[in-house]
């Protein structure tokens, strides 16, 4: 079954998302070093960033294995077969291709809505809490 889940992950573009996640983690480390050392990073943090990047890329297969275990825990082999069929088809392929963009836009729309709701609710909350 793990081989089938691996096929499913390939069909969903998992490696692309894993690469983005690694880049984001390296960016978080970089920001942490900038906060700690200012804009002029000494040689050691630059070397540390290189170490972080190299280590994460070398350990990428471990992430994939953990994700495979999660899917194995929650899906039957028949369900994985269905997911593979979906993601290898035209609609699933399109979803895998644009999914990140859609998720980002959904997140942005959700944040905007939440901020609008806070502005709507705050006056009434102020009356209740004062």
N, C-alpha and C. Protein backbone atom coordinates (compact mmCIF):
# COMPACT_ATOMS: atom_id res chain seq x y z
N UNK A 1 0.83 -1.20 0.00
CA UNK A 1 0.00 0.00 0.00
C UNK A 1 0.86 1.26 0.00
N UNK A 2 2.02 1.20 0.65
CA UNK A 2 2.88 2.38 0.71
C UNK A 2 3.33 2.81 -0.68
N UNK A 3 3.53 1.83 -1.58
CA UNK A 3 3.90 2.17 -2.96
C UNK A 3 2.77 2.93 -3.65
N UNK A 4 1.54 2.52 -3.37
CA UNK A 4 0.39 3.21 -3.97
C UNK A 4 0.26 4.63 -3.42
N UNK A 5 0.50 4.78 -2.13
CA UNK A 5 0.43 6.13 -1.55
C UNK A 5 1.52 7.00 -2.14
N UNK A 6 2.68 6.44 -2.41
CA UNK A 6 3.76 7.18 -3.05
C UNK A 6 3.34 7.65 -4.44
N UNK A 7 2.65 6.78 -5.18
CA UNK A 7 2.13 7.16 -6.50
C UNK A 7 1.13 8.30 -6.35
N UNK A 8 0.26 8.19 -5.35
CA UNK A 8 -0.71 9.25 -5.07
C UNK A 8 -0.01 10.57 -4.77
N UNK A 9 1.02 10.53 -3.94
CA UNK A 9 1.75 11.76 -3.60
C UNK A 9 2.38 12.37 -4.85
N UNK A 10 2.94 11.54 -5.70
CA UNK A 10 3.51 12.06 -6.94
C UNK A 10 2.44 12.74 -7.80
N UNK A 11 1.26 12.13 -7.85
CA UNK A 11 0.17 12.68 -8.66
C UNK A 11 -0.33 14.01 -8.12
N UNK A 12 -0.22 14.20 -6.80
CA UNK A 12 -0.72 15.44 -6.19
C UNK A 12 0.31 16.56 -6.20
N UNK A 13 1.53 16.27 -6.63
CA UNK A 13 2.57 17.30 -6.63
C UNK A 13 3.22 17.47 -5.28
N UNK A 14 3.24 16.42 -4.49
CA UNK A 14 3.79 16.49 -3.13
C UNK A 14 5.21 17.06 -3.11
N UNK A 15 6.05 16.63 -4.04
CA UNK A 15 7.45 17.07 -4.02
C UNK A 15 7.57 18.58 -4.19
N UNK A 16 6.70 19.15 -5.00
CA UNK A 16 6.70 20.61 -5.17
C UNK A 16 6.36 21.29 -3.84
N UNK A 17 5.32 20.78 -3.18
CA UNK A 17 4.91 21.37 -1.90
C UNK A 17 5.97 21.16 -0.82
N UNK A 18 6.62 20.00 -0.84
CA UNK A 18 7.70 19.76 0.12
C UNK A 18 8.83 20.74 -0.10
N UNK A 19 9.16 21.01 -1.35
CA UNK A 19 10.20 21.99 -1.66
C UNK A 19 9.84 23.39 -1.17
N UNK A 20 8.59 23.77 -1.35
CA UNK A 20 8.12 25.07 -0.87
C UNK A 20 8.21 25.13 0.64
N UNK A 21 7.81 24.05 1.31
CA UNK A 21 7.87 24.01 2.77
C UNK A 21 9.31 24.15 3.25
N UNK A 22 10.23 23.46 2.59
CA UNK A 22 11.64 23.55 2.96
C UNK A 22 12.14 24.98 2.77
N UNK A 23 11.81 25.58 1.65
CA UNK A 23 12.22 26.97 1.41
C UNK A 23 11.66 27.90 2.48
N UNK A 24 10.40 27.66 2.88
CA UNK A 24 9.78 28.48 3.93
C UNK A 24 10.50 28.30 5.27
N UNK A 25 10.87 27.06 5.59
CA UNK A 25 11.59 26.81 6.84
C UNK A 25 12.95 27.50 6.84
N UNK A 26 13.65 27.43 5.72
CA UNK A 26 14.94 28.11 5.61
C UNK A 26 14.72 29.62 5.79
N UNK A 27 13.66 30.15 5.20
CA UNK A 27 13.34 31.57 5.36
C UNK A 27 13.06 31.94 6.80
N UNK A 28 12.38 31.04 7.53
CA UNK A 28 12.11 31.31 8.94
C UNK A 28 13.41 31.34 9.75
N UNK A 29 14.31 30.42 9.44
CA UNK A 29 15.61 30.45 10.11
C UNK A 29 16.35 31.75 9.77
N UNK A 30 16.32 32.14 8.49
CA UNK A 30 16.99 33.37 8.07
C UNK A 30 16.44 34.57 8.82
N UNK A 31 15.11 34.65 8.93
CA UNK A 31 14.48 35.75 9.66
C UNK A 31 14.88 35.73 11.12
N UNK A 32 14.96 34.55 11.70
CA UNK A 32 15.39 34.44 13.09
C UNK A 32 16.81 34.93 13.28
N UNK A 33 17.68 34.59 12.35
CA UNK A 33 19.06 35.07 12.43
C UNK A 33 19.12 36.58 12.25
N UNK A 34 18.30 37.12 11.33
CA UNK A 34 18.29 38.58 11.12
C UNK A 34 17.83 39.30 12.38
N UNK A 35 16.82 38.73 13.04
CA UNK A 35 16.35 39.35 14.29
C UNK A 35 17.43 39.29 15.35
N UNK A 36 18.16 38.20 15.37
CA UNK A 36 19.20 38.03 16.39
C UNK A 36 20.48 38.79 16.10
N UNK A 37 20.83 38.91 14.81
CA UNK A 37 22.12 39.50 14.45
C UNK A 37 21.99 40.78 13.65
N UNK A 38 20.79 41.19 13.29
CA UNK A 38 20.62 42.36 12.44
C UNK A 38 20.82 41.99 10.98
N UNK A 39 20.78 42.99 10.12
CA UNK A 39 20.91 42.76 8.69
C UNK A 39 22.28 42.25 8.27
N UNK A 40 23.32 42.56 9.06
CA UNK A 40 24.68 42.12 8.73
C UNK A 40 24.95 40.78 9.39
N UNK A 41 24.52 39.73 8.73
CA UNK A 41 24.71 38.40 9.29
C UNK A 41 26.19 38.04 9.28
N UNK A 42 26.74 37.62 10.40
CA UNK A 42 28.12 37.16 10.39
C UNK A 42 28.23 35.84 9.63
N UNK A 43 29.45 35.40 9.38
CA UNK A 43 29.69 34.20 8.59
C UNK A 43 29.00 32.98 9.20
N UNK A 44 29.01 32.88 10.52
CA UNK A 44 28.44 31.69 11.17
C UNK A 44 26.96 31.50 10.85
N UNK A 45 26.12 32.56 10.93
CA UNK A 45 24.71 32.34 10.56
C UNK A 45 24.56 31.96 9.09
N UNK A 46 25.38 32.51 8.20
CA UNK A 46 25.29 32.13 6.80
C UNK A 46 25.62 30.65 6.64
N UNK A 47 26.64 30.22 7.35
CA UNK A 47 26.99 28.81 7.32
C UNK A 47 25.88 27.98 7.95
N UNK A 48 25.26 28.53 8.99
CA UNK A 48 24.17 27.82 9.65
C UNK A 48 22.98 27.68 8.71
N UNK A 49 22.70 28.74 7.95
CA UNK A 49 21.60 28.66 6.98
C UNK A 49 21.89 27.60 5.92
N UNK A 50 23.12 27.53 5.50
CA UNK A 50 23.51 26.50 4.54
C UNK A 50 23.32 25.11 5.14
N UNK A 51 23.70 24.96 6.41
CA UNK A 51 23.51 23.69 7.09
C UNK A 51 22.02 23.33 7.19
N UNK A 52 21.20 24.30 7.55
CA UNK A 52 19.76 24.08 7.65
C UNK A 52 19.21 23.62 6.31
N UNK A 53 19.53 24.34 5.26
CA UNK A 53 19.03 24.01 3.93
C UNK A 53 19.48 22.62 3.48
N UNK A 54 20.74 22.34 3.65
CA UNK A 54 21.28 21.04 3.24
C UNK A 54 20.64 19.91 4.03
N UNK A 55 20.52 20.10 5.33
CA UNK A 55 19.94 19.05 6.19
C UNK A 55 18.49 18.77 5.82
N UNK A 56 17.70 19.83 5.64
CA UNK A 56 16.30 19.64 5.30
C UNK A 56 16.15 18.92 3.96
N UNK A 57 16.98 19.28 3.00
CA UNK A 57 16.90 18.62 1.69
C UNK A 57 17.33 17.17 1.77
N UNK A 58 18.34 16.90 2.58
CA UNK A 58 18.79 15.51 2.74
C UNK A 58 17.75 14.65 3.46
N UNK A 59 17.00 15.26 4.36
CA UNK A 59 16.01 14.53 5.16
C UNK A 59 14.61 14.56 4.56
N UNK A 60 14.50 15.07 3.35
CA UNK A 60 13.20 15.21 2.68
C UNK A 60 12.47 13.87 2.58
N UNK A 61 13.19 12.80 2.34
CA UNK A 61 12.56 11.47 2.23
C UNK A 61 11.88 11.07 3.54
N UNK A 62 12.42 11.52 4.67
CA UNK A 62 11.78 11.22 5.96
C UNK A 62 10.41 11.88 6.05
N UNK A 63 10.31 13.10 5.54
CA UNK A 63 9.01 13.78 5.53
C UNK A 63 8.03 12.98 4.68
N UNK A 64 8.47 12.57 3.50
CA UNK A 64 7.60 11.79 2.62
C UNK A 64 7.13 10.52 3.31
N UNK A 65 8.03 9.83 4.00
CA UNK A 65 7.65 8.60 4.70
C UNK A 65 6.63 8.88 5.80
N UNK A 66 6.78 9.98 6.49
CA UNK A 66 5.81 10.32 7.54
C UNK A 66 4.44 10.63 6.95
N UNK A 67 4.45 11.32 5.82
CA UNK A 67 3.18 11.63 5.15
C UNK A 67 2.53 10.34 4.66
N UNK A 68 3.32 9.44 4.13
CA UNK A 68 2.79 8.14 3.70
C UNK A 68 2.12 7.42 4.87
N UNK A 69 2.75 7.46 6.03
CA UNK A 69 2.17 6.81 7.22
C UNK A 69 0.84 7.44 7.60
N UNK A 70 0.72 8.75 7.47
CA UNK A 70 -0.53 9.42 7.80
C UNK A 70 -1.64 8.96 6.86
N UNK A 71 -1.35 8.93 5.57
CA UNK A 71 -2.36 8.47 4.61
C UNK A 71 -2.72 7.01 4.84
N UNK A 72 -1.73 6.18 5.15
CA UNK A 72 -1.98 4.75 5.40
C UNK A 72 -2.89 4.57 6.62
N UNK A 73 -2.77 5.45 7.57
CA UNK A 73 -3.58 5.38 8.79
C UNK A 73 -5.05 5.73 8.51
N UNK A 74 -5.28 6.65 7.57
CA UNK A 74 -6.63 7.19 7.39
C UNK A 74 -7.36 6.71 6.14
N UNK A 75 -6.67 6.05 5.22
CA UNK A 75 -7.30 5.62 3.98
C UNK A 75 -7.07 4.14 3.74
N UNK A 76 -8.09 3.49 3.18
CA UNK A 76 -7.94 2.09 2.77
C UNK A 76 -7.23 2.06 1.42
N UNK A 77 -6.79 0.88 1.04
CA UNK A 77 -6.12 0.74 -0.26
C UNK A 77 -7.09 1.09 -1.39
N UNK A 78 -8.33 0.71 -1.25
CA UNK A 78 -9.34 1.04 -2.26
C UNK A 78 -9.51 2.56 -2.39
N UNK A 79 -9.52 3.25 -1.27
CA UNK A 79 -9.64 4.71 -1.30
C UNK A 79 -8.41 5.35 -1.95
N UNK A 80 -7.24 4.83 -1.65
CA UNK A 80 -6.02 5.35 -2.27
C UNK A 80 -6.08 5.13 -3.78
N UNK A 81 -6.57 3.95 -4.21
CA UNK A 81 -6.74 3.70 -5.64
C UNK A 81 -7.65 4.76 -6.27
N UNK A 82 -8.72 5.11 -5.57
CA UNK A 82 -9.64 6.14 -6.06
C UNK A 82 -8.98 7.50 -6.14
N UNK A 83 -8.19 7.83 -5.13
CA UNK A 83 -7.48 9.11 -5.14
C UNK A 83 -6.47 9.17 -6.28
N UNK A 84 -5.78 8.07 -6.51
CA UNK A 84 -4.82 8.02 -7.62
C UNK A 84 -5.55 8.24 -8.94
N UNK A 85 -6.66 7.55 -9.12
CA UNK A 85 -7.44 7.69 -10.35
C UNK A 85 -7.89 9.14 -10.54
N UNK A 86 -8.34 9.75 -9.45
CA UNK A 86 -8.78 11.14 -9.53
C UNK A 86 -7.62 12.07 -9.91
N UNK A 87 -6.52 11.99 -9.19
CA UNK A 87 -5.41 12.91 -9.42
C UNK A 87 -4.66 12.65 -10.72
N UNK A 88 -4.79 11.45 -11.27
CA UNK A 88 -4.18 11.19 -12.57
C UNK A 88 -5.11 11.59 -13.71
N UNK A 89 -6.36 11.90 -13.38
CA UNK A 89 -7.32 12.37 -14.39
C UNK A 89 -7.18 13.87 -14.58
N UNK A 90 -7.92 14.42 -15.55
CA UNK A 90 -7.76 15.85 -15.89
C UNK A 90 -8.12 16.82 -14.76
N UNK A 91 -9.19 16.53 -14.04
CA UNK A 91 -9.60 17.45 -12.96
C UNK A 91 -8.62 17.38 -11.80
N UNK A 92 -8.22 16.17 -11.42
CA UNK A 92 -7.25 16.02 -10.34
C UNK A 92 -5.91 16.64 -10.70
N UNK A 93 -5.50 16.45 -11.96
CA UNK A 93 -4.24 17.05 -12.41
C UNK A 93 -4.32 18.57 -12.31
N UNK A 94 -5.45 19.12 -12.72
CA UNK A 94 -5.63 20.58 -12.63
C UNK A 94 -5.60 21.04 -11.18
N UNK A 95 -6.27 20.31 -10.32
CA UNK A 95 -6.27 20.66 -8.89
C UNK A 95 -4.86 20.63 -8.33
N UNK A 96 -4.09 19.60 -8.69
CA UNK A 96 -2.70 19.52 -8.21
C UNK A 96 -1.88 20.68 -8.74
N UNK A 97 -2.18 21.12 -9.94
CA UNK A 97 -1.42 22.20 -10.57
C UNK A 97 -1.74 23.56 -9.96
N UNK A 98 -3.02 23.83 -9.70
CA UNK A 98 -3.41 25.15 -9.21
C UNK A 98 -3.83 25.16 -7.75
N UNK A 99 -3.74 24.02 -7.10
CA UNK A 99 -4.21 23.91 -5.72
C UNK A 99 -3.59 24.91 -4.77
N UNK A 100 -2.29 25.12 -4.89
CA UNK A 100 -1.61 26.06 -4.00
C UNK A 100 -2.15 27.48 -4.18
N UNK A 101 -2.37 27.88 -5.42
CA UNK A 101 -2.91 29.21 -5.70
C UNK A 101 -4.31 29.35 -5.13
N UNK A 102 -5.13 28.34 -5.33
CA UNK A 102 -6.50 28.37 -4.82
C UNK A 102 -6.49 28.43 -3.30
N UNK A 103 -5.66 27.61 -2.65
CA UNK A 103 -5.59 27.62 -1.19
C UNK A 103 -5.13 28.98 -0.67
N UNK A 104 -4.17 29.58 -1.35
CA UNK A 104 -3.69 30.89 -0.94
C UNK A 104 -4.81 31.93 -1.05
N UNK A 105 -5.54 31.90 -2.15
CA UNK A 105 -6.62 32.86 -2.33
C UNK A 105 -7.76 32.62 -1.35
N UNK A 106 -8.06 31.36 -1.06
CA UNK A 106 -9.09 31.04 -0.06
C UNK A 106 -8.65 31.56 1.31
N UNK A 107 -7.38 31.36 1.65
CA UNK A 107 -6.85 31.88 2.91
C UNK A 107 -6.96 33.38 3.00
N UNK A 108 -6.61 34.05 1.90
CA UNK A 108 -6.69 35.51 1.87
C UNK A 108 -8.14 35.98 2.02
N UNK A 109 -9.05 35.34 1.29
CA UNK A 109 -10.47 35.71 1.38
C UNK A 109 -10.99 35.48 2.80
N UNK A 110 -10.57 34.38 3.43
CA UNK A 110 -10.98 34.08 4.80
C UNK A 110 -10.46 35.12 5.77
N UNK A 111 -9.20 35.52 5.61
CA UNK A 111 -8.63 36.54 6.48
C UNK A 111 -9.35 37.88 6.31
N UNK A 112 -9.64 38.25 5.07
CA UNK A 112 -10.35 39.51 4.82
C UNK A 112 -11.73 39.47 5.45
N UNK A 113 -12.43 38.35 5.27
CA UNK A 113 -13.75 38.21 5.86
C UNK A 113 -13.68 38.30 7.38
N UNK A 114 -12.70 37.60 7.98
CA UNK A 114 -12.53 37.64 9.42
C UNK A 114 -12.28 39.05 9.93
N UNK A 115 -11.43 39.79 9.23
CA UNK A 115 -11.15 41.18 9.63
C UNK A 115 -12.40 42.04 9.52
N UNK A 116 -13.19 41.84 8.46
CA UNK A 116 -14.44 42.59 8.31
C UNK A 116 -15.41 42.24 9.44
N UNK A 117 -15.48 40.97 9.82
CA UNK A 117 -16.39 40.56 10.89
C UNK A 117 -15.97 41.16 12.23
N UNK A 118 -14.66 41.22 12.46
CA UNK A 118 -14.17 41.84 13.70
C UNK A 118 -14.62 43.29 13.76
N UNK A 119 -14.47 44.02 12.64
CA UNK A 119 -14.89 45.43 12.60
C UNK A 119 -16.39 45.57 12.80
N UNK A 120 -17.14 44.62 12.29
CA UNK A 120 -18.60 44.64 12.44
C UNK A 120 -19.01 44.37 13.88
N UNK A 121 -18.34 43.43 14.52
CA UNK A 121 -18.72 42.98 15.85
C UNK A 121 -18.16 43.87 16.96
N UNK A 122 -17.01 44.48 16.74
CA UNK A 122 -16.34 45.25 17.80
C UNK A 122 -17.22 46.32 18.45
N UNK A 123 -17.97 47.13 17.69
CA UNK A 123 -18.80 48.15 18.37
C UNK A 123 -19.80 47.54 19.34
N UNK A 124 -20.44 46.47 18.97
CA UNK A 124 -21.42 45.82 19.84
C UNK A 124 -20.72 45.18 21.05
N UNK A 125 -19.56 44.60 20.80
CA UNK A 125 -18.80 44.01 21.91
C UNK A 125 -18.38 45.09 22.91
N UNK A 126 -17.98 46.23 22.41
CA UNK A 126 -17.56 47.33 23.28
C UNK A 126 -18.72 47.76 24.19
N UNK A 127 -19.93 47.79 23.64
CA UNK A 127 -21.10 48.16 24.44
C UNK A 127 -21.34 47.11 25.53
N UNK A 128 -21.25 45.85 25.16
CA UNK A 128 -21.51 44.76 26.11
C UNK A 128 -20.46 44.73 27.20
N UNK A 129 -19.21 44.93 26.82
CA UNK A 129 -18.09 44.78 27.77
C UNK A 129 -17.81 46.04 28.57
N UNK A 130 -18.43 47.16 28.21
CA UNK A 130 -18.15 48.39 28.98
C UNK A 130 -19.07 48.58 30.14
